[in-house]
Amino acid sequence: MKPSLLILIHLDDASRASIEAEFDSVYAPDPAQHAAVIATHGATIRAVLTNGTRGISAAEIDRMPKLEFVSALGAGYENVAVDHARSRGIVLVNGAGTNDHCVADHAFALLLSIVRDVPRLDEATREGVWRDALPMRPGVSGKRLGIVGLGNIGEKIARRGAGFDMEIGYHNRKPREGTSLSYFDGVEALARWCDFLVIATPGGAGTHHLIGARVFEALGPGGFVVNVSRGSVLDTAALGASARSRDDRRRGTRRLRGRTAAACCLAEAAKCRADTARRRTLARRDSGSREQFSAKRCPAFRRRACVDPDLTERRCLSSVHCDLCERRRLRICQRCNGVAVDS
């Protein structure tokens, strides 16, 4: 008889099939189902599969008297009642180290993308805009890289930085033995020293909003930050305020408020392109129209703007939702420095 397993998280079909070959599983990825499923099946459940977002509480553990094993899909045990589980002799495991290389690769991909402005250059090429019309971007090689959290992932990020001849510093709660990298006893000091700041520290209450307004100020208007840790580590309100107050949009982040955000407004990019194309077509058809397309672009949405000679304002043709300024189709967008956009 196969052991009974309660699955509290979403899995793809292939993963489910693999697990169900070894376990008598109860699949309940919907949080609304959890209480009822545990009430119905808790008496027979011997193992639980969860993750750091969902976790498992002490009360839920107590409703499963035969529980022997809890697996947290991820690097740690966030939201898992670790002490309570261990007091009952329950075995706890996680996937620490499984995807360290992938995360480090992703961190450097984000860094290269935002420093070299790869999304903008890709868009410009597709629109027929060539080098003379584009600003020069800074390079990555030979710069100073600051890493917050020199754990397994942070160490692999440092190795990748060494391949770019970068000077590397880091901040941990205490210096790490066996490394020659420069240690900084505070995040602000590290941010003040480096050109690029990569956040790879664990999440949780101890690091909540560790990267806030004072760190952004120390990093300066020419700095870049990449976050591959939990979204809670980054104070996104302070990030938005810093970007607006200094007209500094050079911030790359893996997570904003718990959701993946490769770039501001990326989710609406296709809608933007369709809207822009439609407006261009209408303007070309109306040969008597006094509206003309200018080469200027909205600095927040980085798309072609439309200028009416009778107006003193510019209307952004890509006035879509912005994760940082949290507005949709504003008349005045603070990220555009007062540029009026379509309402």
Protein backbone atom coordinates (compact mmCIF):
# COMPACT_ATOMS: atom_id res chain seq x y z
CA MET A 1 0.00 0.00 0.00
CA LYS A 2 1.40 3.37 -1.03
CA PRO A 3 1.79 6.08 1.66
CA SER A 4 -0.75 8.90 1.58
CA LEU A 5 0.54 12.33 0.51
CA LEU A 6 -1.24 15.68 0.75
CA ILE A 7 -0.11 18.13 -1.95
CA LEU A 8 -0.86 21.75 -0.97
CA ILE A 9 0.76 23.47 -3.97
CA HIS A 10 0.29 23.57 -7.73
CA LEU A 11 2.22 21.00 -9.78
CA ASP A 12 2.35 20.41 -13.52
CA ASP A 13 0.93 17.20 -14.95
CA ALA A 14 4.31 15.51 -15.38
CA SER A 15 5.31 16.14 -11.76
CA ARG A 16 1.97 14.90 -10.49
CA ALA A 17 2.23 11.73 -12.52
CA SER A 18 5.71 11.03 -11.17
CA ILE A 19 4.58 11.53 -7.57
CA GLU A 20 1.37 9.54 -7.95
CA ALA A 21 3.42 6.55 -9.09
CA GLU A 22 4.89 6.39 -5.58
CA PHE A 23 2.19 7.91 -3.35
CA ASP A 24 -1.54 7.77 -2.83
CA SER A 25 -1.88 11.52 -3.27
CA VAL A 26 -4.56 14.04 -2.38
CA TYR A 27 -4.10 17.04 -4.67
CA ALA A 28 -5.39 20.32 -3.18
CA PRO A 29 -3.57 23.32 -4.70
CA ASP A 30 -6.43 25.76 -4.01
CA PRO A 31 -6.02 27.41 -0.57
CA ALA A 32 -9.80 27.51 -0.22
CA GLN A 33 -9.80 23.70 -0.23
CA HIS A 34 -7.18 23.16 2.43
CA ALA A 35 -9.28 23.23 5.59
CA ALA A 36 -11.91 20.89 4.15
CA VAL A 37 -9.35 18.51 2.66
CA ILE A 38 -7.41 18.26 5.92
CA ALA A 39 -10.66 17.68 7.83
CA THR A 40 -11.60 14.87 5.42
CA HIS A 41 -8.23 13.17 4.89
CA GLY A 42 -6.09 14.37 7.81
CA ALA A 43 -6.45 11.17 9.82
CA THR A 44 -4.67 9.12 7.13
CA ILE A 45 -2.10 11.60 5.74
CA ARG A 46 1.52 10.55 6.35
CA ALA A 47 3.34 13.13 4.19
CA VAL A 48 2.79 16.72 3.03
CA LEU A 49 4.26 18.58 0.05
CA THR A 50 4.21 22.36 0.45
CA ASN A 51 6.45 25.39 -0.17
CA GLY A 52 7.61 28.52 1.61
CA THR A 53 4.68 30.58 0.39
CA ARG A 54 2.02 28.14 1.59
CA GLY A 55 3.87 26.47 4.46
CA ILE A 56 2.02 24.42 7.05
CA SER A 57 0.86 25.60 10.47
CA ALA A 58 1.06 23.91 13.86
CA ALA A 59 -2.74 23.62 13.94
CA GLU A 60 -2.74 21.85 10.57
CA ILE A 61 -0.01 19.48 11.74
CA ASP A 62 -2.10 18.62 14.79
CA ARG A 63 -5.02 17.64 12.53
CA MET A 64 -2.81 14.97 10.91
CA PRO A 65 -1.92 12.52 13.71
CA LYS A 66 -0.07 10.11 11.37
CA LEU A 67 2.07 12.81 9.74
CA GLU A 68 5.72 11.70 9.47
CA PHE A 69 7.23 13.76 6.68
CA VAL A 70 6.97 17.36 5.35
CA SER A 71 8.73 18.50 2.17
CA ALA A 72 9.04 22.24 1.48
CA LEU A 73 9.61 22.82 -2.22
CA GLY A 74 12.21 25.59 -2.09
CA ALA A 75 15.37 26.65 -0.31
CA GLY A 76 14.04 27.14 3.23
CA TYR A 77 11.19 26.55 5.66
CA GLU A 78 9.27 29.82 5.51
CA ASN A 79 5.76 29.56 6.97
CA VAL A 80 6.45 26.01 8.15
CA ALA A 81 5.95 25.39 11.89
CA VAL A 82 9.44 23.89 12.16
CA ASP A 83 9.75 23.63 15.94
CA HIS A 84 6.29 22.12 16.32
CA ALA A 85 6.96 19.57 13.58
CA ARG A 86 10.28 18.55 15.10
CA SER A 87 8.71 18.23 18.55
CA ARG A 88 6.52 15.52 17.03
CA GLY A 89 9.46 13.80 15.36
CA ILE A 90 8.34 14.76 11.87
CA VAL A 91 11.09 14.71 9.25
CA LEU A 92 11.53 18.04 7.42
CA VAL A 93 13.27 18.39 4.05
CA ASN A 94 13.64 21.11 1.43
CA GLY A 95 15.27 21.66 -1.94
CA ALA A 96 18.15 23.87 -0.88
CA GLY A 97 20.77 24.09 -3.61
CA THR A 98 18.65 22.49 -6.33
CA ASN A 99 18.36 25.59 -8.51
CA ASP A 100 21.22 27.76 -7.22
CA HIS A 101 22.92 27.92 -10.61
CA CYS A 102 19.67 28.85 -12.36
CA VAL A 103 18.99 31.69 -9.94
CA ALA A 104 22.55 33.00 -10.26
CA ASP A 105 22.24 32.87 -14.06
CA HIS A 106 18.94 34.72 -13.83
CA ALA A 107 20.46 37.39 -11.58
CA PHE A 108 23.23 38.09 -14.08
CA ALA A 109 20.80 38.01 -17.00
CA LEU A 110 18.74 40.71 -15.27
CA LEU A 111 21.84 42.75 -14.45
CA LEU A 112 23.11 42.69 -18.03
CA SER A 113 19.64 43.44 -19.32
CA ILE A 114 19.04 46.56 -17.23
CA VAL A 115 22.57 47.95 -17.38
CA ARG A 116 22.83 47.55 -21.14
CA ASP A 117 19.09 48.30 -21.55
CA VAL A 118 18.57 45.23 -23.72
CA PRO A 119 14.73 45.41 -23.80
CA ARG A 120 14.86 49.01 -25.06
CA LEU A 121 17.50 48.23 -27.67
CA ASP A 122 15.49 45.24 -28.88
CA GLU A 123 12.40 47.42 -29.19
CA ALA A 124 14.33 50.16 -30.96
CA THR A 125 15.72 47.70 -33.50
CA ARG A 126 12.24 46.42 -34.25
CA GLU A 127 11.04 50.00 -34.74
CA GLY A 128 13.92 50.90 -37.06
CA VAL A 129 15.69 53.19 -34.57
CA TRP A 130 19.45 52.92 -34.91
CA ARG A 131 22.51 53.77 -32.86
CA ASP A 132 22.74 57.50 -33.50
CA ALA A 133 19.33 58.01 -31.90
CA LEU A 134 20.10 55.97 -28.78
CA PRO A 135 22.00 57.00 -25.64
CA MET A 136 25.24 55.31 -24.68
CA ARG A 137 24.81 52.78 -21.89
CA PRO A 138 27.34 51.86 -19.19
CA GLY A 139 29.21 48.57 -19.29
CA VAL A 140 29.33 45.81 -16.70
CA SER A 141 32.93 44.60 -16.93
CA GLY A 142 35.36 46.05 -14.41
CA LYS A 143 32.65 47.61 -12.22
CA ARG A 144 31.96 47.08 -8.52
CA LEU A 145 29.40 44.40 -7.65
CA GLY A 146 27.79 44.35 -4.21
CA ILE A 147 26.02 41.18 -3.06
CA VAL A 148 23.61 41.18 -0.13
CA GLY A 149 23.66 37.60 1.12
CA LEU A 150 26.76 35.58 0.28
CA GLY A 151 25.13 32.18 0.66
CA ASN A 152 25.14 29.42 -1.95
CA ILE A 153 23.42 31.60 -4.54
CA GLY A 154 25.34 34.73 -3.63
CA GLU A 155 28.63 32.88 -3.95
CA LYS A 156 27.69 31.67 -7.45
CA ILE A 157 26.72 35.23 -8.43
CA ALA A 158 30.16 36.34 -7.23
CA ARG A 159 31.83 33.73 -9.45
CA ARG A 160 29.94 35.07 -12.45
CA GLY A 161 30.98 38.59 -11.51
CA ALA A 162 34.61 37.50 -11.40
CA GLY A 163 34.24 36.38 -15.00
CA PHE A 164 33.46 40.00 -15.86
CA ASP A 165 36.57 41.23 -14.01
CA MET A 166 34.39 42.89 -11.38
CA GLU A 167 35.50 43.99 -7.93
CA ILE A 168 33.17 42.20 -5.53
CA GLY A 169 31.99 43.08 -2.04
CA TYR A 170 29.29 41.54 0.12
CA HIS A 171 27.19 41.96 3.25
CA ASN A 172 26.20 39.15 5.59
CA ARG A 173 25.28 39.14 9.24
CA LYS A 174 28.92 38.20 9.81
CA PRO A 175 31.99 37.76 7.57
CA ARG A 176 32.14 34.47 5.71
CA GLU A 177 35.18 32.33 6.37
CA GLY A 178 37.32 31.18 3.48
CA THR A 179 36.61 34.05 1.11
CA SER A 180 38.82 36.94 0.03
CA LEU A 181 35.89 39.13 -1.04
CA SER A 182 35.50 42.51 0.64
CA TYR A 183 33.11 42.44 3.60
CA PHE A 184 30.81 45.35 4.54
CA ASP A 185 29.10 45.37 7.91
CA GLY A 186 26.08 47.31 6.64
CA VAL A 187 23.92 47.32 3.51
CA GLU A 188 24.15 51.11 3.18
CA ALA A 189 27.95 51.01 3.22
CA LEU A 190 27.92 48.30 0.55
CA ALA A 191 25.46 50.28 -1.59
CA ARG A 192 27.57 53.42 -1.27
CA TRP A 193 30.64 51.50 -2.50
CA CYS A 194 29.21 49.49 -5.40
CA ASP A 195 27.88 50.24 -8.86
CA PHE A 196 25.49 47.28 -8.94
CA LEU A 197 23.67 45.78 -5.95
CA VAL A 198 22.34 42.22 -6.16
CA ILE A 199 20.02 40.99 -3.40
CA ALA A 200 20.28 37.26 -2.68
CA THR A 201 19.46 37.11 1.02
CA PRO A 202 16.80 34.81 2.52
CA GLY A 203 13.31 36.21 3.07
CA GLY A 204 11.39 36.32 6.33
CA ALA A 205 10.81 38.79 9.14
CA GLY A 206 14.52 39.38 9.70
CA THR A 207 15.06 40.82 6.22
CA HIS A 208 11.69 42.48 5.63
CA HIS A 209 12.29 45.78 3.77
CA LEU A 210 16.03 45.43 4.33
CA ILE A 211 16.50 47.31 1.04
CA GLY A 212 14.74 50.63 1.55
CA ALA A 213 14.99 54.35 0.97
CA ARG A 214 18.35 54.81 2.69
CA VAL A 215 19.92 52.03 0.63
CA PHE A 216 18.59 53.51 -2.62
CA GLU A 217 19.95 56.89 -1.59
CA ALA A 218 23.35 55.38 -0.83
CA LEU A 219 23.39 53.58 -4.17
CA GLY A 220 22.97 56.88 -5.97
CA PRO A 221 21.22 57.89 -9.19
CA GLY A 222 23.61 55.90 -11.38
CA GLY A 223 23.24 52.64 -9.47
CA PHE A 224 21.36 49.48 -10.34
CA VAL A 225 19.72 46.89 -8.09
CA VAL A 226 18.65 43.35 -8.94
CA ASN A 227 16.54 41.36 -6.49
CA VAL A 228 16.45 37.57 -6.74
CA SER A 229 15.38 37.06 -3.13
CA ARG A 230 11.86 37.32 -1.71
CA GLY A 231 9.86 40.35 -2.75
CA SER A 232 9.45 41.30 0.91
CA VAL A 233 13.17 42.13 1.15
CA LEU A 234 12.69 45.10 -1.19
CA ASP A 235 10.62 48.09 -0.04
CA THR A 236 8.83 48.68 -3.36
CA ALA A 237 7.16 51.88 -2.12
CA ALA A 238 10.59 53.35 -1.36
CA LEU A 239 11.83 52.06 -4.72
CA GLY A 240 9.01 53.87 -6.53
CA ALA A 241 9.58 57.06 -4.55
CA SER A 242 13.29 56.94 -5.33
CA ALA A 243 12.62 56.45 -9.03
CA ARG A 244 10.14 59.32 -9.18
CA SER A 245 12.09 61.78 -7.08
CA ARG A 246 15.33 61.38 -9.02
CA ASP A 247 13.93 60.47 -12.44
CA ASP A 248 15.90 57.27 -12.03
CA ARG A 249 14.28 54.26 -13.65
CA ARG A 250 17.38 52.09 -13.68
CA ARG A 251 16.09 49.52 -11.27
CA GLY A 252 15.75 45.82 -12.21
CA THR A 253 13.90 43.42 -9.99
CA ARG A 254 12.78 39.83 -10.09
CA ARG A 255 9.85 40.31 -7.73
CA LEU A 256 7.65 43.27 -6.86
CA ARG A 257 5.09 42.57 -4.10
CA GLY A 258 5.47 38.86 -4.60
CA ARG A 259 4.86 38.83 -8.38
CA THR A 260 7.41 38.43 -11.11
CA ALA A 261 8.19 41.75 -12.80
CA ALA A 262 10.83 41.58 -15.51
CA ALA A 263 10.13 45.17 -16.48
CA CYS A 264 7.57 47.81 -15.65
CA CYS A 265 4.45 47.49 -17.79
CA LEU A 266 5.67 44.31 -19.46
CA ALA A 267 2.32 42.63 -18.99
CA GLU A 268 0.71 45.31 -21.13
CA ALA A 269 3.42 45.50 -23.79
CA ALA A 270 1.40 43.79 -26.51
CA LYS A 271 -1.56 46.05 -25.80
CA CYS A 272 0.74 49.07 -26.01
CA ARG A 273 2.10 48.03 -29.39
CA ALA A 274 -1.40 47.45 -30.78
CA ASP A 275 -2.60 50.81 -29.45
CA THR A 276 0.43 52.61 -30.89
CA ALA A 277 -0.01 50.97 -34.30
CA ARG A 278 -3.69 51.88 -34.38
CA ARG A 279 -2.99 55.52 -33.59
CA ARG A 280 -0.25 55.72 -36.20
CA THR A 281 -2.60 54.33 -38.84
CA LEU A 282 -5.32 56.83 -37.97
CA ALA A 283 -2.86 59.73 -38.05
CA ARG A 284 -1.53 58.72 -41.45
CA ARG A 285 -5.03 58.40 -42.89
CA ASP A 286 -5.99 61.85 -41.72
CA SER A 287 -3.60 63.85 -43.88
CA GLY A 288 -5.16 67.08 -42.66
CA SER A 289 -4.55 66.25 -39.04
CA ARG A 290 -2.36 68.69 -37.19
CA GLU A 291 -1.03 65.88 -35.01
CA GLN A 292 2.45 64.79 -35.95
CA PHE A 293 4.66 62.10 -34.52
CA SER A 294 7.80 63.39 -32.87
CA ALA A 295 11.01 61.53 -32.12
CA LYS A 296 10.57 62.22 -28.42
CA ARG A 297 9.57 59.34 -26.24
CA CYS A 298 7.86 59.06 -22.92
CA PRO A 299 10.76 58.28 -20.54
CA ALA A 300 8.64 56.01 -18.36
CA PHE A 301 7.06 53.89 -21.07
CA ARG A 302 9.78 54.60 -23.66
CA ARG A 303 7.49 54.71 -26.63
CA ARG A 304 6.85 57.25 -29.34
CA ALA A 305 4.86 60.28 -28.19
CA CYS A 306 2.37 62.35 -30.16
CA VAL A 307 2.67 66.14 -30.27
CA ASP A 308 -0.16 68.53 -31.16
CA PRO A 309 1.17 71.98 -32.23
CA ASP A 310 -1.76 73.64 -30.45
CA LEU A 311 -0.99 71.94 -27.15
CA THR A 312 1.86 72.36 -24.75
CA GLU A 313 1.53 68.81 -23.55
CA ARG A 314 2.70 65.46 -24.84
CA ARG A 315 0.41 62.49 -24.84
CA CYS A 316 2.00 59.15 -24.16
CA LEU A 317 0.73 56.52 -26.59
CA SER A 318 1.51 53.73 -24.16
CA SER A 319 -0.34 54.96 -21.11
CA VAL A 320 -0.75 51.57 -19.50
CA HIS A 321 -0.49 50.27 -15.97
CA CYS A 322 2.86 50.95 -14.30
CA ASP A 323 3.87 48.72 -11.38
CA LEU A 324 5.90 51.51 -9.79
CA CYS A 325 3.66 54.56 -10.04
CA GLU A 326 0.57 52.33 -9.64
CA ARG A 327 -1.60 54.26 -12.06
CA ARG A 328 -3.33 53.52 -15.32
CA ARG A 329 -3.94 56.10 -18.05
CA LEU A 330 -3.10 59.15 -15.98
CA ARG A 331 -3.33 62.74 -17.15
CA ILE A 332 -0.07 63.36 -15.31
CA CYS A 333 2.37 60.53 -14.72
CA GLN A 334 5.01 61.29 -12.13
CA ARG A 335 7.41 58.82 -13.74
CA CYS A 336 7.21 60.90 -16.91
CA ASN A 337 8.16 64.08 -15.01
CA GLY A 338 4.83 65.73 -15.58
CA VAL A 339 4.25 64.50 -19.13
CA ALA A 340 0.51 64.38 -19.72
CA VAL A 341 -0.75 61.02 -20.88
CA ASP A 342 -4.08 59.89 -22.24
CA SER A 343 -6.89 59.72 -19.73
